[in-house]
C-alpha atoms as a PDB file:
ATOM      1  CA  MET A   1      21.426  20.438 -19.020  1.00  0.00           C
ATOM      2  CA  PRO A   2      20.068  23.206 -16.916  1.00  0.00           C
ATOM      3  CA  PRO A   3      18.902  22.321 -13.228  1.00  0.00           C
ATOM      4  CA  GLU A   4      15.278  23.029 -14.003  1.00  0.00           C
ATOM      5  CA  GLN A   5      15.243  20.684 -17.041  1.00  0.00           C
ATOM      6  CA  ARG A   6      17.124  17.964 -15.172  1.00  0.00           C
ATOM      7  CA  ALA A   7      14.428  18.222 -12.359  1.00  0.00           C
ATOM      8  CA  MET A   8      11.525  17.914 -14.777  1.00  0.00           C
ATOM      9  CA  TYR A   9      13.284  14.944 -16.523  1.00  0.00           C
ATOM     10  CA  LEU A  10      13.782  13.123 -13.124  1.00  0.00           C
ATOM     11  CA  GLN A  11      10.109  13.996 -12.296  1.00  0.00           C
ATOM     12  CA  MET A  12       8.963  12.411 -15.513  1.00  0.00           C
ATOM     13  CA  LYS A  13      11.036   9.458 -14.958  1.00  0.00           C
ATOM     14  CA  GLU A  14       9.481   9.011 -11.443  1.00  0.00           C
ATOM     15  CA  ASP A  15       5.999   9.491 -13.007  1.00  0.00           C
ATOM     16  CA  ASP A  16       6.620   6.693 -15.637  1.00  0.00           C
ATOM     17  CA  LYS A  17       6.892   4.462 -12.674  1.00  0.00           C
ATOM     18  CA  LEU A  18       3.321   5.020 -11.357  1.00  0.00           C
ATOM     19  CA  VAL A  19       0.510   2.558 -11.873  1.00  0.00           C
ATOM     20  CA  ALA A  20      -3.101   2.399 -11.637  1.00  0.00           C
ATOM     21  CA  MET A  21      -4.807   0.973  -8.514  1.00  0.00           C
ATOM     22  CA  PRO A  22      -4.951  -2.834  -9.000  1.00  0.00           C
ATOM     23  CA  ILE A  23      -8.466  -4.301  -9.024  1.00  0.00           C
ATOM     24  CA  VAL A  24      -8.793  -7.003  -6.321  1.00  0.00           C
ATOM     25  CA  GLU A  25     -11.814  -9.370  -6.723  1.00  0.00           C
ATOM     26  CA  GLN A  26     -14.328  -9.715  -3.775  1.00  0.00           C
ATOM     27  CA  ASP A  27     -13.404 -13.242  -2.917  1.00  0.00           C
ATOM     28  CA  GLU A  28      -9.724 -12.192  -2.716  1.00  0.00           C
ATOM     29  CA  LEU A  29     -10.628  -9.273  -0.536  1.00  0.00           C
ATOM     30  CA  GLU A  30     -12.482 -11.662   1.927  1.00  0.00           C
ATOM     31  CA  SER A  31      -9.357 -13.887   1.835  1.00  0.00           C
ATOM     32  CA  LEU A  32      -7.082 -10.963   2.506  1.00  0.00           C
ATOM     33  CA  ASN A  33      -9.244  -9.848   5.496  1.00  0.00           C
ATOM     34  CA  TYR A  34      -9.300 -13.171   6.952  1.00  0.00           C
ATOM     35  CA  VAL A  35      -5.391 -13.481   6.635  1.00  0.00           C
ATOM     36  CA  ILE A  36      -5.019  -9.933   8.237  1.00  0.00           C
ATOM     37  CA  CYS A  37      -7.408 -10.832  11.130  1.00  0.00           C
ATOM     38  CA  ASP A  38      -5.958 -14.320  11.677  1.00  0.00           C
ATOM     39  CA  SER A  39      -2.113 -13.542  11.577  1.00  0.00           C
ATOM     40  CA  ALA A  40       0.128 -12.223  14.207  1.00  0.00           C
ATOM     41  CA  ARG A  41       2.720 -11.036  11.431  1.00  0.00           C
ATOM     42  CA  ALA A  42       1.879 -10.254   7.986  1.00  0.00           C
ATOM     43  CA  ASP A  43       3.620  -9.035   4.765  1.00  0.00           C
ATOM     44  CA  VAL A  44       1.064  -6.458   3.391  1.00  0.00           C
ATOM     45  CA  THR A  45       1.197  -4.934  -0.010  1.00  0.00           C
ATOM     46  CA  TRP A  46      -0.898  -1.821  -0.864  1.00  0.00           C
ATOM     47  CA  TRP A  47      -1.394   0.691  -3.519  1.00  0.00           C
ATOM     48  CA  LYS A  48      -0.513   4.392  -2.391  1.00  0.00           C
ATOM     49  CA  GLN A  49      -1.890   7.368  -4.497  1.00  0.00           C
ATOM     50  CA  VAL A  50       0.619   9.614  -5.757  1.00  0.00           C
ATOM     51  CA  LYS A  51      -0.675  11.677  -8.594  1.00  0.00           C
ATOM     52  CA  GLY A  52      -4.302  11.476  -9.721  1.00  0.00           C
ATOM     53  CA  ASN A  53      -5.309   7.889 -10.497  1.00  0.00           C
ATOM     54  CA  LEU A  54      -1.678   6.881 -10.535  1.00  0.00           C
ATOM     55  CA  GLY A  55       0.312   5.617  -7.589  1.00  0.00           C
ATOM     56  CA  THR A  56       2.808   3.066  -6.460  1.00  0.00           C
ATOM     57  CA  THR A  57       2.767  -0.082  -4.613  1.00  0.00           C
ATOM     58  CA  CYS A  58       4.327  -0.558  -1.217  1.00  0.00           C
ATOM     59  CA  THR A  59       5.110  -3.524   0.863  1.00  0.00           C
ATOM     60  CA  MET A  60       5.825  -3.833   4.586  1.00  0.00           C
ATOM     61  CA  TRP A  61       6.377  -6.588   6.965  1.00  0.00           C
ATOM     62  CA  GLY A  62       5.113  -6.282  10.559  1.00  0.00           C
ATOM     63  CA  VAL A  63       2.525  -6.883  13.084  1.00  0.00           C
ATOM     64  CA  VAL A  64      -1.268  -5.812  12.671  1.00  0.00           C
ATOM     65  CA  LYS A  65      -1.711  -3.766  15.856  1.00  0.00           C
ATOM     66  CA  TRP A  66      -5.008  -2.334  15.101  1.00  0.00           C
ATOM     67  CA  ILE A  67      -7.986  -2.865  12.686  1.00  0.00           C
ATOM     68  CA  ASP A  68     -10.241   0.031  12.566  1.00  0.00           C
ATOM     69  CA  GLN A  69     -13.412  -1.391  10.924  1.00  0.00           C
ATOM     70  CA  ASN A  70     -15.269   1.868  10.865  1.00  0.00           C
ATOM     71  CA  GLY A  71     -12.443   3.648   9.039  1.00  0.00           C
ATOM     72  CA  ARG A  72     -11.662   0.567   7.009  1.00  0.00           C
ATOM     73  CA  LYS A  73      -7.839   0.564   7.846  1.00  0.00           C
ATOM     74  CA  ILE A  74      -5.333  -1.251   9.644  1.00  0.00           C
ATOM     75  CA  LYS A  75      -2.137  -0.214  11.664  1.00  0.00           C
ATOM     76  CA  LEU A  76       0.925  -2.213  10.606  1.00  0.00           C
ATOM     77  CA  VAL A  77       4.033  -1.863  13.055  1.00  0.00           C
ATOM     78  CA  THR A  78       7.514  -2.731  12.678  1.00  0.00           C
ATOM     79  CA  ASP A  79      10.403  -2.132  14.969  1.00  0.00           C
ATOM     80  CA  GLU A  80      11.253   1.176  13.175  1.00  0.00           C
ATOM     81  CA  ASP A  81       7.969   2.265  11.719  1.00  0.00           C
ATOM     82  CA  SER A  82       4.183   2.116  11.857  1.00  0.00           C
ATOM     83  CA  GLN A  83       1.674   2.692   8.926  1.00  0.00           C
ATOM     84  CA  TRP A  84      -1.912   3.089   8.732  1.00  0.00           C
ATOM     85  CA  ILE A  85      -3.122   1.362   5.533  1.00  0.00           C
ATOM     86  CA  SER A  86      -6.452   1.594   3.944  1.00  0.00           C
ATOM     87  CA  MET A  87      -8.067  -1.740   3.680  1.00  0.00           C
ATOM     88  CA  ASP A  88      -9.461  -0.615   0.214  1.00  0.00           C
ATOM     89  CA  HIS A  89      -5.936  -0.081  -1.017  1.00  0.00           C
ATOM     90  CA  ILE A  90      -4.590  -3.563   0.159  1.00  0.00           C
ATOM     91  CA  THR A  91      -3.636  -5.774  -2.775  1.00  0.00           C
ATOM     92  CA  ALA A  92      -1.873  -8.787  -1.049  1.00  0.00           C
ATOM     93  CA  VAL A  93      -1.296 -10.258   2.320  1.00  0.00           C
ATOM     94  CA  LYS A  94       1.116 -13.085   3.159  1.00  0.00           C
ATOM     95  CA  ALA A  95       1.230 -14.406   6.786  1.00  0.00           C
END
């Protein structure tokens, strides 16, 4: 198989793993926000856009260092990494 076809095949396989953004009900969102504000450490799962309306879900365990209420995002920090996460894309939080 030529390299171009292999690259295209691998990209198609990656695209098959993409999912639409999950819909989180309002009462769930309020619960997620409460857990984020109340916990020192959290396991946060969010949807990350990759291509159009499709994306992937990411999970990270860390400390919520900053909550930007105007920008509707949080800063989650681990020993090795930090990530700004849109509050609109968060799908689950476990303290």
